[in-house]
Amino acid sequence: MINDWLDNRRIDRSHSCGSVVEAVAHVSALEHSKIEHPSLPYQDAIFAFDRYATSVCPSRPQLSKIAVGMTNGAVAQVAGMPRTPRLRCWLYAVTDEHNGRRVCFIDGRATVVQTSVRG
């Protein structure tokens, strides 16, 4: 997805919600590492990916369906864009509609699913 955007600053091909989340996580990791990447304006990329996510990710997350063993793509398909997508762990915020979740991955599979409850 990153390469798709980099070639002309547009997303021309179809990508899954999981691909969008992974792209945001990778770009965020680069941005936070303070490594300059001349062809990747981080905030522009994240904005474009977030906007694209609204068309391919679920608008109503079903966090209770997340389970250990799911692929990161499967998690994204049921839960959508996390509040904080990182390479290793994704954070879904507590809202009035649902408890939050912290989902950590090893080799693309959920190994830890923790629930944060409304207080």
Protein backbone atom coordinates (compact mmCIF):
# COMPACT_ATOMS: atom_id res chain seq x y z
CA MET A 1 0.00 0.00 0.00
CA ILE A 2 2.86 2.38 0.81
CA ASN A 3 4.40 1.81 -2.63
CA ASP A 4 1.01 2.35 -4.27
CA TRP A 5 0.75 5.76 -2.59
CA LEU A 6 4.39 6.69 -3.12
CA ASP A 7 4.35 6.40 -6.91
CA ASN A 8 1.89 9.29 -7.41
CA ARG A 9 0.59 10.27 -3.95
CA ARG A 10 -2.69 8.45 -4.66
CA ILE A 11 -4.07 5.08 -3.71
CA ASP A 12 -4.88 3.55 -7.09
CA ARG A 13 -5.23 -0.13 -6.24
CA SER A 14 -7.55 -1.97 -3.85
CA HIS A 15 -6.23 -2.73 -0.38
CA SER A 16 -7.74 -4.48 2.63
CA CYS A 17 -8.33 -2.87 5.99
CA GLY A 18 -5.43 -4.95 7.32
CA SER A 19 -3.12 -3.50 4.67
CA VAL A 20 -4.15 0.02 5.65
CA VAL A 21 -3.50 -0.61 9.36
CA GLU A 22 -0.10 -2.16 8.59
CA ALA A 23 0.82 0.78 6.35
CA VAL A 24 -0.08 3.30 9.06
CA ALA A 25 1.90 1.26 11.62
CA HIS A 26 4.99 1.17 9.37
CA VAL A 27 4.84 4.87 8.53
CA SER A 28 4.26 5.75 12.21
CA ALA A 29 7.27 3.64 13.20
CA LEU A 30 9.45 5.45 10.67
CA GLU A 31 8.16 8.83 11.82
CA HIS A 32 8.80 8.05 15.49
CA SER A 33 12.28 6.70 14.74
CA LYS A 34 13.25 10.19 13.55
CA ILE A 35 14.76 8.66 10.42
CA GLU A 36 14.34 11.07 7.53
CA HIS A 37 12.89 9.48 4.43
CA PRO A 38 12.98 12.01 1.58
CA SER A 39 10.22 10.43 -0.50
CA LEU A 40 7.82 9.76 2.38
CA PRO A 41 6.11 12.78 3.92
CA TYR A 42 4.80 10.96 6.99
CA GLN A 43 1.78 13.06 7.88
CA ASP A 44 0.56 13.22 4.26
CA ALA A 45 0.81 9.44 4.00
CA ILE A 46 -0.98 8.80 7.30
CA PHE A 47 -3.74 11.25 6.35
CA ALA A 48 -4.24 9.51 2.98
CA PHE A 49 -4.24 6.05 4.60
CA ASP A 50 -6.69 7.11 7.33
CA ARG A 51 -9.02 8.57 4.71
CA TYR A 52 -8.80 5.35 2.65
CA ALA A 53 -9.51 3.29 5.79
CA THR A 54 -12.98 4.84 6.03
CA SER A 55 -13.91 3.04 2.82
CA VAL A 56 -12.49 -0.42 3.61
CA CYS A 57 -12.54 -0.79 7.41
CA PRO A 58 -15.67 -1.47 9.46
CA SER A 59 -17.30 1.66 10.84
CA ARG A 60 -18.67 -0.24 13.86
CA PRO A 61 -15.87 -2.26 15.42
CA GLN A 62 -16.71 -5.66 16.86
CA LEU A 63 -13.91 -5.86 19.40
CA SER A 64 -15.47 -8.79 21.25
CA LYS A 65 -14.75 -10.95 18.18
CA ILE A 66 -10.97 -10.52 18.48
CA ALA A 67 -9.28 -13.72 19.62
CA VAL A 68 -5.77 -15.05 20.11
CA GLY A 69 -4.55 -16.73 16.93
CA MET A 70 -6.29 -14.38 14.49
CA THR A 71 -4.18 -12.84 11.75
CA ASN A 72 -3.67 -9.09 11.82
CA GLY A 73 -5.81 -8.87 8.67
CA ALA A 74 -8.67 -10.76 10.34
CA VAL A 75 -8.44 -8.49 13.40
CA ALA A 76 -8.62 -5.42 11.15
CA GLN A 77 -11.63 -6.83 9.31
CA VAL A 78 -13.68 -7.18 12.52
CA ALA A 79 -12.24 -4.30 14.52
CA GLY A 80 -11.21 -1.69 11.96
CA MET A 81 -8.52 0.93 12.37
CA PRO A 82 -7.10 0.93 15.90
CA ARG A 83 -6.68 4.18 17.75
CA THR A 84 -2.97 3.45 17.96
CA PRO A 85 -1.65 1.14 15.25
CA ARG A 86 1.89 -0.01 15.97
CA LEU A 87 3.92 -2.78 14.45
CA ARG A 88 3.68 -5.06 17.47
CA CYS A 89 0.49 -3.98 19.29
CA TRP A 90 -2.71 -2.23 18.30
CA LEU A 91 -4.80 -0.26 20.79
CA TYR A 92 -8.57 0.16 20.50
CA ALA A 93 -9.99 2.78 22.84
CA VAL A 94 -12.75 2.31 25.40
CA THR A 95 -15.97 3.98 24.21
CA ASP A 96 -19.58 4.16 25.38
CA GLU A 97 -20.35 1.29 22.99
CA HIS A 98 -17.57 -1.14 23.91
CA ASN A 99 -14.63 -1.97 26.15
CA GLY A 100 -11.21 -1.29 24.69
CA ARG A 101 -8.67 -3.83 23.52
CA ARG A 102 -4.92 -4.15 23.29
CA VAL A 103 -3.95 -6.72 20.67
CA CYS A 104 -0.32 -7.79 20.28
CA PHE A 105 1.06 -9.77 17.36
CA ILE A 106 3.99 -12.05 16.65
CA ASP A 107 4.56 -13.07 13.03
CA GLY A 108 1.22 -11.54 12.01
CA ARG A 109 -0.91 -13.47 14.54
CA ALA A 110 -2.58 -12.18 17.69
CA THR A 111 -0.77 -13.59 20.70
CA VAL A 112 -2.21 -11.31 23.40
CA VAL A 113 -5.70 -9.83 23.62
CA GLN A 114 -6.31 -7.66 26.68
CA THR A 115 -9.55 -5.89 27.56
CA SER A 116 -9.83 -2.45 29.15
CA VAL A 117 -13.18 -1.82 30.76
CA ARG A 118 -15.20 1.34 31.02
CA GLY A 119 -14.71 2.96 34.38
